[in-house]
């Protein structure tokens, strides 16, 4: 046997196989929770209700404001006659209308200012009292807020009654005060002040509850840091609390302006359904023109002007909210 036969042949490593080609990736399918029209589909019932409840009356209001429409047209004896801008010309050229507008603005401004100031003071006070006191105050606020407007107006009529009002009797017990038989509605300013007090009394609970919720979002660390920097109570409120509450204050102020410019039952019921000239505001003035004078065209024109004024308030509100959103 030769050496060549006894030599073990060298093992040749197997050739490397090429790596398998990567599996083709499947295109990712973007999963969406719904189509683009889903939000509108969900909002459709609410929009339909708004269209039925507010759409038709608003269209009818606009139509009547450009027509001559009285009792003859109401009962069908004569067809409605289009008069263009004649109703608006008569209304805007009437000095009594502008006196009513000024009275409405002053009345609404007073209600809003007193509502916001008193509401803020009570909300701040509730942050410093014990739990059971806060509970009692909240119960009283909710009870007054939930009271129907007609009931609250009747209570205020009794409180300020000239002959049997408890307020006159209580104030007359003060030294040098004699108000027995005093008629608070003998003059427009005094009577509107009483109605303003009624409106503020009904609006303060909502403001207090909303601001109390907002005050819980004010960081305590910022308040403590401001106090360590030497800021007093007013400084903490001005530079820490107010900036945090600004969006809520803008919302509450706007809503209060809209509500207070639209006050009707308080004035109507307080004056027994016949508000005198010095008690007229835009809502009651429009009602009188339409249902007392039976000039539905002018009444609709006054109501439409009121709507346009309120839309101006809403535009200011939206602008402020957009500014706040840009800052944040």
C-alpha atoms as a PDB file:
ATOM      1  CA  UNK A   1       0.000   0.000   0.000  1.00  0.00           C
ATOM      2  CA  UNK A   2       1.442   3.246  -0.984  1.00  0.00           C
ATOM      3  CA  UNK A   3       1.571   6.427   1.101  1.00  0.00           C
ATOM      4  CA  UNK A   4      -0.763   8.029  -1.268  1.00  0.00           C
ATOM      5  CA  UNK A   5      -3.340   5.449  -0.494  1.00  0.00           C
ATOM      6  CA  UNK A   6      -2.995   5.905   3.260  1.00  0.00           C
ATOM      7  CA  UNK A   7      -3.248   9.714   3.151  1.00  0.00           C
ATOM      8  CA  UNK A   8      -6.639  11.032   4.209  1.00  0.00           C
ATOM      9  CA  UNK A   9      -8.076  13.310   1.550  1.00  0.00           C
ATOM     10  CA  UNK A  10      -8.619  16.885   2.696  1.00  0.00           C
ATOM     11  CA  UNK A  11     -12.243  17.834   3.299  1.00  0.00           C
ATOM     12  CA  UNK A  12     -13.396  20.572   0.999  1.00  0.00           C
ATOM     13  CA  UNK A  13     -15.947  22.905   2.656  1.00  0.00           C
ATOM     14  CA  UNK A  14     -19.245  23.020   0.846  1.00  0.00           C
ATOM     15  CA  UNK A  15     -19.832  26.100  -1.286  1.00  0.00           C
ATOM     16  CA  UNK A  16     -21.739  28.853   0.382  1.00  0.00           C
ATOM     17  CA  UNK A  17     -25.222  29.243  -0.867  1.00  0.00           C
ATOM     18  CA  UNK A  18     -26.463  32.699  -1.739  1.00  0.00           C
ATOM     19  CA  UNK A  19     -28.757  34.246   0.913  1.00  0.00           C
ATOM     20  CA  UNK A  20     -32.427  33.985   0.010  1.00  0.00           C
ATOM     21  CA  UNK A  21     -33.907  37.135  -1.479  1.00  0.00           C
ATOM     22  CA  UNK A  22     -35.846  39.240   1.031  1.00  0.00           C
ATOM     23  CA  UNK A  23     -39.537  38.605   1.060  1.00  0.00           C
ATOM     24  CA  UNK A  24     -41.443  41.349  -0.688  1.00  0.00           C
ATOM     25  CA  UNK A  25     -43.009  43.722   1.841  1.00  0.00           C
ATOM     26  CA  UNK A  26     -46.722  44.056   1.691  1.00  0.00           C
ATOM     27  CA  UNK A  27     -47.954  47.623   1.262  1.00  0.00           C
ATOM     28  CA  UNK A  28     -49.205  48.981   4.537  1.00  0.00           C
ATOM     29  CA  UNK A  29     -52.870  49.685   4.524  1.00  0.00           C
ATOM     30  CA  UNK A  30     -53.715  52.808   6.517  1.00  0.00           C
ATOM     31  CA  UNK A  31     -56.501  51.890   8.794  1.00  0.00           C
ATOM     32  CA  UNK A  32     -59.030  54.569   9.509  1.00  0.00           C
ATOM     33  CA  UNK A  33     -61.763  54.428  12.081  1.00  0.00           C
ATOM     34  CA  UNK A  34     -64.262  55.712   9.558  1.00  0.00           C
ATOM     35  CA  UNK A  35     -64.756  57.771   6.485  1.00  0.00           C
ATOM     36  CA  UNK A  36     -64.372  61.523   6.305  1.00  0.00           C
ATOM     37  CA  UNK A  37     -68.125  61.929   6.421  1.00  0.00           C
ATOM     38  CA  UNK A  38     -68.574  60.114   9.732  1.00  0.00           C
ATOM     39  CA  UNK A  39     -68.406  63.272  11.913  1.00  0.00           C
ATOM     40  CA  UNK A  40     -71.042  64.960   9.770  1.00  0.00           C
ATOM     41  CA  UNK A  41     -73.176  61.834   9.919  1.00  0.00           C
ATOM     42  CA  UNK A  42     -73.008  61.896  13.709  1.00  0.00           C
ATOM     43  CA  UNK A  43     -73.812  65.608  13.798  1.00  0.00           C
ATOM     44  CA  UNK A  44     -76.703  65.266  11.370  1.00  0.00           C
ATOM     45  CA  UNK A  45     -79.465  64.734  14.002  1.00  0.00           C
ATOM     46  CA  UNK A  46     -78.342  67.786  15.994  1.00  0.00           C
ATOM     47  CA  UNK A  47     -78.034  69.931  12.859  1.00  0.00           C
ATOM     48  CA  UNK A  48     -81.468  68.789  11.703  1.00  0.00           C
ATOM     49  CA  UNK A  49     -83.041  69.765  15.021  1.00  0.00           C
ATOM     50  CA  UNK A  50     -81.325  73.173  14.924  1.00  0.00           C
ATOM     51  CA  UNK A  51     -82.489  73.694  11.351  1.00  0.00           C
ATOM     52  CA  UNK A  52     -86.087  72.910  12.249  1.00  0.00           C
ATOM     53  CA  UNK A  53     -86.144  74.845  15.534  1.00  0.00           C
ATOM     54  CA  UNK A  54     -84.130  77.904  14.520  1.00  0.00           C
ATOM     55  CA  UNK A  55     -83.830  77.823  10.744  1.00  0.00           C
ATOM     56  CA  UNK A  56     -87.465  78.380   9.781  1.00  0.00           C
ATOM     57  CA  UNK A  57     -88.179  81.079  12.426  1.00  0.00           C
ATOM     58  CA  UNK A  58     -85.047  82.975  11.359  1.00  0.00           C
ATOM     59  CA  UNK A  59     -85.984  82.804   7.669  1.00  0.00           C
ATOM     60  CA  UNK A  60     -89.537  83.890   8.516  1.00  0.00           C
ATOM     61  CA  UNK A  61     -88.170  86.755  10.620  1.00  0.00           C
ATOM     62  CA  UNK A  62     -86.028  88.006   7.741  1.00  0.00           C
ATOM     63  CA  UNK A  63     -88.943  87.704   5.322  1.00  0.00           C
ATOM     64  CA  UNK A  64     -91.348  89.644   7.568  1.00  0.00           C
ATOM     65  CA  UNK A  65     -88.823  92.428   8.148  1.00  0.00           C
ATOM     66  CA  UNK A  66     -89.030  93.309   4.428  1.00  0.00           C
ATOM     67  CA  UNK A  67     -92.822  93.182   4.248  1.00  0.00           C
ATOM     68  CA  UNK A  68     -95.824  95.217   5.284  1.00  0.00           C
ATOM     69  CA  UNK A  69     -97.519  92.731   7.574  1.00  0.00           C
ATOM     70  CA  UNK A  70    -100.328  93.669   9.954  1.00  0.00           C
ATOM     71  CA  UNK A  71    -103.569  92.182  11.182  1.00  0.00           C
ATOM     72  CA  UNK A  72    -105.107  92.208   7.694  1.00  0.00           C
ATOM     73  CA  UNK A  73    -102.244  90.107   6.373  1.00  0.00           C
ATOM     74  CA  UNK A  74    -102.262  87.916   9.477  1.00  0.00           C
ATOM     75  CA  UNK A  75    -105.924  86.956   8.995  1.00  0.00           C
ATOM     76  CA  UNK A  76    -105.549  86.578   5.249  1.00  0.00           C
ATOM     77  CA  UNK A  77    -107.709  89.524   4.211  1.00  0.00           C
ATOM     78  CA  UNK A  78    -104.840  91.084   2.275  1.00  0.00           C
ATOM     79  CA  UNK A  79    -101.651  89.608   0.854  1.00  0.00           C
ATOM     80  CA  UNK A  80     -98.284  90.549   2.348  1.00  0.00           C
ATOM     81  CA  UNK A  81     -96.704  93.446   0.479  1.00  0.00           C
ATOM     82  CA  UNK A  82     -92.953  93.754  -0.016  1.00  0.00           C
ATOM     83  CA  UNK A  83     -91.696  97.185   1.073  1.00  0.00           C
ATOM     84  CA  UNK A  84     -87.940  96.692   0.781  1.00  0.00           C
ATOM     85  CA  UNK A  85     -85.975  98.520   3.487  1.00  0.00           C
ATOM     86  CA  UNK A  86     -88.879 100.744   4.527  1.00  0.00           C
ATOM     87  CA  UNK A  87     -89.290  99.034   7.915  1.00  0.00           C
ATOM     88  CA  UNK A  88     -85.594  99.444   8.699  1.00  0.00           C
ATOM     89  CA  UNK A  89     -85.673 103.086   7.575  1.00  0.00           C
ATOM     90  CA  UNK A  90     -88.581 103.854   9.900  1.00  0.00           C
ATOM     91  CA  UNK A  91     -86.995 102.028  12.814  1.00  0.00           C
ATOM     92  CA  UNK A  92     -83.529 103.523  12.407  1.00  0.00           C
ATOM     93  CA  UNK A  93     -85.000 106.999  11.936  1.00  0.00           C
ATOM     94  CA  UNK A  94     -87.027 106.807  15.143  1.00  0.00           C
ATOM     95  CA  UNK A  95     -85.443 108.541  18.141  1.00  0.00           C
ATOM     96  CA  UNK A  96     -87.333 106.285  20.530  1.00  0.00           C
ATOM     97  CA  UNK A  97     -85.592 103.250  19.031  1.00  0.00           C
ATOM     98  CA  UNK A  98     -82.133 104.675  19.722  1.00  0.00           C
ATOM     99  CA  UNK A  99     -83.167 105.521  23.281  1.00  0.00           C
ATOM    100  CA  UNK A 100     -84.204 101.875  23.696  1.00  0.00           C
ATOM    101  CA  UNK A 101     -80.879 100.691  22.225  1.00  0.00           C
ATOM    102  CA  UNK A 102     -78.922 102.883  24.648  1.00  0.00           C
ATOM    103  CA  UNK A 103     -81.052 101.697  27.566  1.00  0.00           C
ATOM    104  CA  UNK A 104     -80.521  98.071  26.548  1.00  0.00           C
ATOM    105  CA  UNK A 105     -76.749  98.477  26.305  1.00  0.00           C
ATOM    106  CA  UNK A 106     -76.526 100.198  29.699  1.00  0.00           C
ATOM    107  CA  UNK A 107     -78.802  97.593  31.277  1.00  0.00           C
ATOM    108  CA  UNK A 108     -76.862  94.653  29.793  1.00  0.00           C
ATOM    109  CA  UNK A 109     -73.486  96.189  30.685  1.00  0.00           C
ATOM    110  CA  UNK A 110     -74.570  96.713  34.296  1.00  0.00           C
ATOM    111  CA  UNK A 111     -75.866  93.142  34.557  1.00  0.00           C
ATOM    112  CA  UNK A 112     -72.670  91.683  33.071  1.00  0.00           C
ATOM    113  CA  UNK A 113     -70.312  93.738  35.244  1.00  0.00           C
ATOM    114  CA  UNK A 114     -72.121  92.990  38.492  1.00  0.00           C
ATOM    115  CA  UNK A 115     -72.551  89.322  37.564  1.00  0.00           C
ATOM    116  CA  UNK A 116     -68.877  88.796  36.781  1.00  0.00           C
ATOM    117  CA  UNK A 117     -67.575  90.756  39.784  1.00  0.00           C
ATOM    118  CA  UNK A 118     -69.915  89.129  42.321  1.00  0.00           C
ATOM    119  CA  UNK A 119     -69.404  85.704  40.763  1.00  0.00           C
ATOM    120  CA  UNK A 120     -65.618  86.033  40.920  1.00  0.00           C
ATOM    121  CA  UNK A 121     -65.684  87.210  44.542  1.00  0.00           C
ATOM    122  CA  UNK A 122     -67.897  84.312  45.625  1.00  0.00           C
ATOM    123  CA  UNK A 123     -65.778  81.797  43.670  1.00  0.00           C
ATOM    124  CA  UNK A 124     -62.598  83.080  45.340  1.00  0.00           C
ATOM    125  CA  UNK A 125     -64.309  82.997  48.734  1.00  0.00           C
ATOM    126  CA  UNK A 126     -65.323  79.359  48.240  1.00  0.00           C
ATOM    127  CA  UNK A 127     -61.644  78.437  47.861  1.00  0.00           C
ATOM    128  CA  UNK A 128     -60.959  79.627  51.427  1.00  0.00           C
ATOM    129  CA  UNK A 129     -63.861  78.175  53.403  1.00  0.00           C
ATOM    130  CA  UNK A 130     -64.344  74.758  54.917  1.00  0.00           C
ATOM    131  CA  UNK A 131     -65.918  71.881  53.057  1.00  0.00           C
ATOM    132  CA  UNK A 132     -69.330  71.980  54.732  1.00  0.00           C
ATOM    133  CA  UNK A 133     -69.681  75.737  54.142  1.00  0.00           C
ATOM    134  CA  UNK A 134     -68.781  75.251  50.480  1.00  0.00           C
ATOM    135  CA  UNK A 135     -71.382  72.500  50.214  1.00  0.00           C
ATOM    136  CA  UNK A 136     -74.116  74.687  51.711  1.00  0.00           C
ATOM    137  CA  UNK A 137     -73.243  77.599  49.409  1.00  0.00           C
ATOM    138  CA  UNK A 138     -73.240  75.326  46.348  1.00  0.00           C
ATOM    139  CA  UNK A 139     -76.653  73.930  47.317  1.00  0.00           C
ATOM    140  CA  UNK A 140     -78.023  77.462  47.658  1.00  0.00           C
ATOM    141  CA  UNK A 141     -76.508  78.461  44.308  1.00  0.00           C
ATOM    142  CA  UNK A 142     -77.939  75.469  42.476  1.00  0.00           C
ATOM    143  CA  UNK A 143     -81.356  76.033  44.086  1.00  0.00           C
ATOM    144  CA  UNK A 144     -81.456  79.676  42.986  1.00  0.00           C
ATOM    145  CA  UNK A 145     -80.153  78.770  39.535  1.00  0.00           C
ATOM    146  CA  UNK A 146     -82.787  76.084  39.075  1.00  0.00           C
ATOM    147  CA  UNK A 147     -85.673  78.330  40.113  1.00  0.00           C
ATOM    148  CA  UNK A 148     -87.941  79.161  37.146  1.00  0.00           C
ATOM    149  CA  UNK A 149     -87.687  82.743  35.936  1.00  0.00           C
ATOM    150  CA  UNK A 150     -91.410  83.407  36.461  1.00  0.00           C
ATOM    151  CA  UNK A 151     -91.210  82.192  40.070  1.00  0.00           C
ATOM    152  CA  UNK A 152     -88.120  84.289  40.796  1.00  0.00           C
ATOM    153  CA  UNK A 153     -89.744  87.360  39.231  1.00  0.00           C
ATOM    154  CA  UNK A 154     -92.871  86.878  41.338  1.00  0.00           C
ATOM    155  CA  UNK A 155     -90.757  86.618  44.493  1.00  0.00           C
ATOM    156  CA  UNK A 156     -88.949  89.851  43.632  1.00  0.00           C
ATOM    157  CA  UNK A 157     -92.252  91.595  42.937  1.00  0.00           C
ATOM    158  CA  UNK A 158     -93.364  90.671  46.447  1.00  0.00           C
ATOM    159  CA  UNK A 159     -90.055  91.735  47.997  1.00  0.00           C
ATOM    160  CA  UNK A 160     -90.212  95.188  46.375  1.00  0.00           C
ATOM    161  CA  UNK A 161     -93.966  95.721  46.634  1.00  0.00           C
ATOM    162  CA  UNK A 162     -94.839  99.280  47.694  1.00  0.00           C
ATOM    163  CA  UNK A 163     -97.528  98.284  50.194  1.00  0.00           C
ATOM    164  CA  UNK A 164     -96.595  94.815  51.433  1.00  0.00           C
ATOM    165  CA  UNK A 165     -92.949  94.436  50.403  1.00  0.00           C
ATOM    166  CA  UNK A 166     -90.694  93.051  53.123  1.00  0.00           C
ATOM    167  CA  UNK A 167     -87.702  95.043  51.853  1.00  0.00           C
ATOM    168  CA  UNK A 168     -89.352  98.391  52.581  1.00  0.00           C
ATOM    169  CA  UNK A 169     -90.304  97.199  56.055  1.00  0.00           C
ATOM    170  CA  UNK A 170     -86.780  95.980  56.852  1.00  0.00           C
ATOM    171  CA  UNK A 171     -85.015  99.081  55.500  1.00  0.00           C
ATOM    172  CA  UNK A 172     -87.414 101.360  57.371  1.00  0.00           C
ATOM    173  CA  UNK A 173     -86.105  99.961  60.657  1.00  0.00           C
ATOM    174  CA  UNK A 174     -82.742 101.567  59.976  1.00  0.00           C
ATOM    175  CA  UNK A 175     -82.177 104.955  61.669  1.00  0.00           C
ATOM    176  CA  UNK A 176     -83.259 107.839  59.452  1.00  0.00           C
ATOM    177  CA  UNK A 177     -84.741 105.597  56.736  1.00  0.00           C
ATOM    178  CA  UNK A 178     -88.443 105.754  55.924  1.00  0.00           C
ATOM    179  CA  UNK A 179     -89.475 103.633  52.951  1.00  0.00           C
ATOM    180  CA  UNK A 180     -92.937 102.498  53.949  1.00  0.00           C
ATOM    181  CA  UNK A 181     -95.083 102.808  50.836  1.00  0.00           C
ATOM    182  CA  UNK A 182     -92.101 103.600  48.593  1.00  0.00           C
ATOM    183  CA  UNK A 183     -92.722 102.581  44.975  1.00  0.00           C
ATOM    184  CA  UNK A 184     -89.497 101.283  43.452  1.00  0.00           C
ATOM    185  CA  UNK A 185     -91.020 101.378  39.966  1.00  0.00           C
ATOM    186  CA  UNK A 186     -92.130 105.001  40.050  1.00  0.00           C
ATOM    187  CA  UNK A 187     -89.065 105.906  37.972  1.00  0.00           C
ATOM    188  CA  UNK A 188     -87.276 104.036  35.233  1.00  0.00           C
ATOM    189  CA  UNK A 189     -83.763 103.974  36.757  1.00  0.00           C
ATOM    190  CA  UNK A 190     -84.961 102.567  40.109  1.00  0.00           C
ATOM    191  CA  UNK A 191     -87.194  99.996  38.440  1.00  0.00           C
ATOM    192  CA  UNK A 192     -84.481  98.875  36.032  1.00  0.00           C
ATOM    193  CA  UNK A 193     -82.075  98.600  38.973  1.00  0.00           C
ATOM    194  CA  UNK A 194     -84.497  96.184  40.651  1.00  0.00           C
ATOM    195  CA  UNK A 195     -84.817  94.162  37.438  1.00  0.00           C
ATOM    196  CA  UNK A 196     -81.039  94.223  37.064  1.00  0.00           C
ATOM    197  CA  UNK A 197     -80.731  92.805  40.579  1.00  0.00           C
ATOM    198  CA  UNK A 198     -83.133  90.031  39.593  1.00  0.00           C
ATOM    199  CA  UNK A 199     -81.113  89.190  36.466  1.00  0.00           C
ATOM    200  CA  UNK A 200     -77.828  89.200  38.388  1.00  0.00           C
ATOM    201  CA  UNK A 201     -79.323  86.996  41.116  1.00  0.00           C
ATOM    202  CA  UNK A 202     -80.275  84.406  38.517  1.00  0.00           C
ATOM    203  CA  UNK A 203     -76.982  84.576  36.583  1.00  0.00           C
ATOM    204  CA  UNK A 204     -74.427  84.540  39.415  1.00  0.00           C
ATOM    205  CA  UNK A 205     -74.733  80.798  40.252  1.00  0.00           C
ATOM    206  CA  UNK A 206     -73.615  79.702  36.779  1.00  0.00           C
ATOM    207  CA  UNK A 207     -70.644  82.071  36.896  1.00  0.00           C
ATOM    208  CA  UNK A 208     -69.637  80.924  40.391  1.00  0.00           C
ATOM    209  CA  UNK A 209     -69.814  77.220  39.538  1.00  0.00           C
ATOM    210  CA  UNK A 210     -67.852  77.693  36.311  1.00  0.00           C
ATOM    211  CA  UNK A 211     -65.162  79.885  37.885  1.00  0.00           C
ATOM    212  CA  UNK A 212     -64.847  77.505  40.848  1.00  0.00           C
ATOM    213  CA  UNK A 213     -64.069  74.694  38.424  1.00  0.00           C
ATOM    214  CA  UNK A 214     -61.555  76.936  36.655  1.00  0.00           C
ATOM    215  CA  UNK A 215     -59.814  77.901  39.899  1.00  0.00           C
ATOM    216  CA  UNK A 216     -59.000  74.251  40.564  1.00  0.00           C
ATOM    217  CA  UNK A 217     -56.777  74.337  37.445  1.00  0.00           C
ATOM    218  CA  UNK A 218     -54.589  77.184  38.724  1.00  0.00           C
ATOM    219  CA  UNK A 219     -51.192  75.627  39.615  1.00  0.00           C
ATOM    220  CA  UNK A 220     -50.466  76.008  43.309  1.00  0.00           C
ATOM    221  CA  UNK A 221     -46.743  76.042  42.543  1.00  0.00           C
ATOM    222  CA  UNK A 222     -47.099  79.263  40.559  1.00  0.00           C
ATOM    223  CA  UNK A 223     -49.030  80.894  43.390  1.00  0.00           C
ATOM    224  CA  UNK A 224     -46.381  79.884  45.926  1.00  0.00           C
ATOM    225  CA  UNK A 225     -43.593  81.104  43.644  1.00  0.00           C
ATOM    226  CA  UNK A 226     -45.336  84.449  43.214  1.00  0.00           C
ATOM    227  CA  UNK A 227     -45.696  84.828  46.985  1.00  0.00           C
ATOM    228  CA  UNK A 228     -42.020  83.976  47.496  1.00  0.00           C
ATOM    229  CA  UNK A 229     -41.165  86.696  44.982  1.00  0.00           C
ATOM    230  CA  UNK A 230     -43.022  89.191  47.151  1.00  0.00           C
ATOM    231  CA  UNK A 231     -46.371  89.360  45.376  1.00  0.00           C
ATOM    232  CA  UNK A 232     -49.380  90.049  47.558  1.00  0.00           C
ATOM    233  CA  UNK A 233     -52.888  88.665  47.159  1.00  0.00           C
ATOM    234  CA  UNK A 234     -53.716  91.148  44.415  1.00  0.00           C
ATOM    235  CA  UNK A 235     -50.460  90.392  42.586  1.00  0.00           C
ATOM    236  CA  UNK A 236     -51.083  86.645  42.685  1.00  0.00           C
ATOM    237  CA  UNK A 237     -54.618  87.158  41.407  1.00  0.00           C
ATOM    238  CA  UNK A 238     -53.561  89.537  38.623  1.00  0.00           C
ATOM    239  CA  UNK A 239     -50.454  87.770  37.319  1.00  0.00           C
ATOM    240  CA  UNK A 240     -51.242  84.111  38.056  1.00  0.00           C
ATOM    241  CA  UNK A 241     -54.976  83.512  38.475  1.00  0.00           C
ATOM    242  CA  UNK A 242     -56.362  85.849  35.803  1.00  0.00           C
ATOM    243  CA  UNK A 243     -54.170  84.562  32.923  1.00  0.00           C
ATOM    244  CA  UNK A 244     -55.245  80.992  33.656  1.00  0.00           C
ATOM    245  CA  UNK A 245     -58.915  81.984  33.866  1.00  0.00           C
ATOM    246  CA  UNK A 246     -58.857  84.258  30.804  1.00  0.00           C
ATOM    247  CA  UNK A 247     -60.493  81.766  28.357  1.00  0.00           C
ATOM    248  CA  UNK A 248     -63.254  81.041  30.882  1.00  0.00           C
ATOM    249  CA  UNK A 249     -63.789  84.739  31.611  1.00  0.00           C
ATOM    250  CA  UNK A 250     -64.065  85.542  27.889  1.00  0.00           C
ATOM    251  CA  UNK A 251     -66.624  82.773  27.438  1.00  0.00           C
ATOM    252  CA  UNK A 252     -68.674  83.778  30.488  1.00  0.00           C
ATOM    253  CA  UNK A 253     -68.628  87.465  29.573  1.00  0.00           C
ATOM    254  CA  UNK A 254     -69.786  86.760  26.028  1.00  0.00           C
ATOM    255  CA  UNK A 255     -72.579  84.455  27.152  1.00  0.00           C
ATOM    256  CA  UNK A 256     -73.658  86.981  29.779  1.00  0.00           C
ATOM    257  CA  UNK A 257     -73.846  89.778  27.189  1.00  0.00           C
ATOM    258  CA  UNK A 258     -75.970  87.610  24.889  1.00  0.00           C
ATOM    259  CA  UNK A 259     -78.280  86.493  27.699  1.00  0.00           C
ATOM    260  CA  UNK A 260     -78.654  89.935  29.267  1.00  0.00           C
ATOM    261  CA  UNK A 261     -79.370  91.681  25.975  1.00  0.00           C
ATOM    262  CA  UNK A 262     -82.066  89.071  25.378  1.00  0.00           C
ATOM    263  CA  UNK A 263     -83.800  89.525  28.736  1.00  0.00           C
ATOM    264  CA  UNK A 264     -87.567  89.481  28.283  1.00  0.00           C
ATOM    265  CA  UNK A 265     -89.641  87.665  30.965  1.00  0.00           C
ATOM    266  CA  UNK A 266     -88.113  89.595  33.867  1.00  0.00           C
ATOM    267  CA  UNK A 267     -89.173  92.959  32.427  1.00  0.00           C
ATOM    268  CA  UNK A 268     -92.455  91.699  30.994  1.00  0.00           C
ATOM    269  CA  UNK A 269     -93.682  89.990  34.162  1.00  0.00           C
ATOM    270  CA  UNK A 270     -92.344  92.639  36.556  1.00  0.00           C
ATOM    271  CA  UNK A 271     -94.376  95.294  34.704  1.00  0.00           C
ATOM    272  CA  UNK A 272     -97.514  93.103  34.499  1.00  0.00           C
ATOM    273  CA  UNK A 273     -97.228  92.554  30.756  1.00  0.00           C
ATOM    274  CA  UNK A 274     -97.240  96.266  29.872  1.00  0.00           C
ATOM    275  CA  UNK A 275     -93.738  97.776  30.261  1.00  0.00           C
ATOM    276  CA  UNK A 276     -93.802 101.558  30.320  1.00  0.00           C
ATOM    277  CA  UNK A 277     -91.655 103.583  27.926  1.00  0.00           C
ATOM    278  CA  UNK A 278     -88.849 104.031  30.480  1.00  0.00           C
ATOM    279  CA  UNK A 279     -88.687 100.243  30.985  1.00  0.00           C
ATOM    280  CA  UNK A 280     -88.528  99.262  27.328  1.00  0.00           C
ATOM    281  CA  UNK A 281     -85.502  97.313  26.100  1.00  0.00           C
ATOM    282  CA  UNK A 282     -84.985  95.823  22.650  1.00  0.00           C
ATOM    283  CA  UNK A 283     -86.825  92.567  23.310  1.00  0.00           C
ATOM    284  CA  UNK A 284     -89.911  94.139  24.871  1.00  0.00           C
ATOM    285  CA  UNK A 285     -89.859  96.998  22.323  1.00  0.00           C
ATOM    286  CA  UNK A 286     -89.925  94.489  19.468  1.00  0.00           C
ATOM    287  CA  UNK A 287     -92.744  92.582  21.167  1.00  0.00           C
ATOM    288  CA  UNK A 288     -94.808  95.736  21.608  1.00  0.00           C
ATOM    289  CA  UNK A 289     -94.352  96.773  17.980  1.00  0.00           C
ATOM    290  CA  UNK A 290     -95.401  93.352  16.762  1.00  0.00           C
ATOM    291  CA  UNK A 291     -98.185  92.304  19.140  1.00  0.00           C
ATOM    292  CA  UNK A 292     -99.451  95.548  20.667  1.00  0.00           C
ATOM    293  CA  UNK A 293     -99.193  97.930  17.715  1.00  0.00           C
ATOM    294  CA  UNK A 294     -99.782  94.950  15.362  1.00  0.00           C
ATOM    295  CA  UNK A 295     -96.968  96.011  13.038  1.00  0.00           C
ATOM    296  CA  UNK A 296     -95.234  92.672  12.573  1.00  0.00           C
ATOM    297  CA  UNK A 297     -92.931  94.037   9.885  1.00  0.00           C
ATOM    298  CA  UNK A 298     -91.366  96.665  12.156  1.00  0.00           C
ATOM    299  CA  UNK A 299     -91.303  94.225  15.066  1.00  0.00           C
ATOM    300  CA  UNK A 300     -89.392  91.754  12.897  1.00  0.00           C
ATOM    301  CA  UNK A 301     -87.016  94.487  11.749  1.00  0.00           C
ATOM    302  CA  UNK A 302     -86.214  95.407  15.367  1.00  0.00           C
ATOM    303  CA  UNK A 303     -85.703  91.739  16.231  1.00  0.00           C
ATOM    304  CA  UNK A 304     -83.385  91.289  13.233  1.00  0.00           C
ATOM    305  CA  UNK A 305     -81.333  94.319  14.249  1.00  0.00           C
ATOM    306  CA  UNK A 306     -81.027  92.789  17.724  1.00  0.00           C
ATOM    307  CA  UNK A 307     -79.804  89.529  16.184  1.00  0.00           C
ATOM    308  CA  UNK A 308     -77.187  91.412  14.171  1.00  0.00           C
ATOM    309  CA  UNK A 309     -75.971  93.182  17.319  1.00  0.00           C
ATOM    310  CA  UNK A 310     -75.626  89.841  19.081  1.00  0.00           C
ATOM    311  CA  UNK A 311     -73.763  88.402  16.097  1.00  0.00           C
ATOM    312  CA  UNK A 312     -71.297  91.254  16.521  1.00  0.00           C
ATOM    313  CA  UNK A 313     -70.754  90.153  20.115  1.00  0.00           C
ATOM    314  CA  UNK A 314     -70.217  86.574  18.942  1.00  0.00           C
ATOM    315  CA  UNK A 315     -67.675  87.774  16.359  1.00  0.00           C
ATOM    316  CA  UNK A 316     -65.694  89.573  19.073  1.00  0.00           C
ATOM    317  CA  UNK A 317     -65.838  86.405  21.189  1.00  0.00           C
ATOM    318  CA  UNK A 318     -64.522  84.216  18.355  1.00  0.00           C
ATOM    319  CA  UNK A 319     -61.707  86.675  17.682  1.00  0.00           C
ATOM    320  CA  UNK A 320     -60.637  86.634  21.318  1.00  0.00           C
ATOM    321  CA  UNK A 321     -60.733  82.840  21.458  1.00  0.00           C
ATOM    322  CA  UNK A 322     -58.600  82.602  18.304  1.00  0.00           C
ATOM    323  CA  UNK A 323     -56.051  84.973  19.848  1.00  0.00           C
ATOM    324  CA  UNK A 324     -55.937  82.845  23.000  1.00  0.00           C
ATOM    325  CA  UNK A 325     -55.458  79.724  20.870  1.00  0.00           C
ATOM    326  CA  UNK A 326     -52.530  81.331  18.990  1.00  0.00           C
ATOM    327  CA  UNK A 327     -50.831  82.301  22.244  1.00  0.00           C
ATOM    328  CA  UNK A 328     -51.198  78.793  23.662  1.00  0.00           C
END
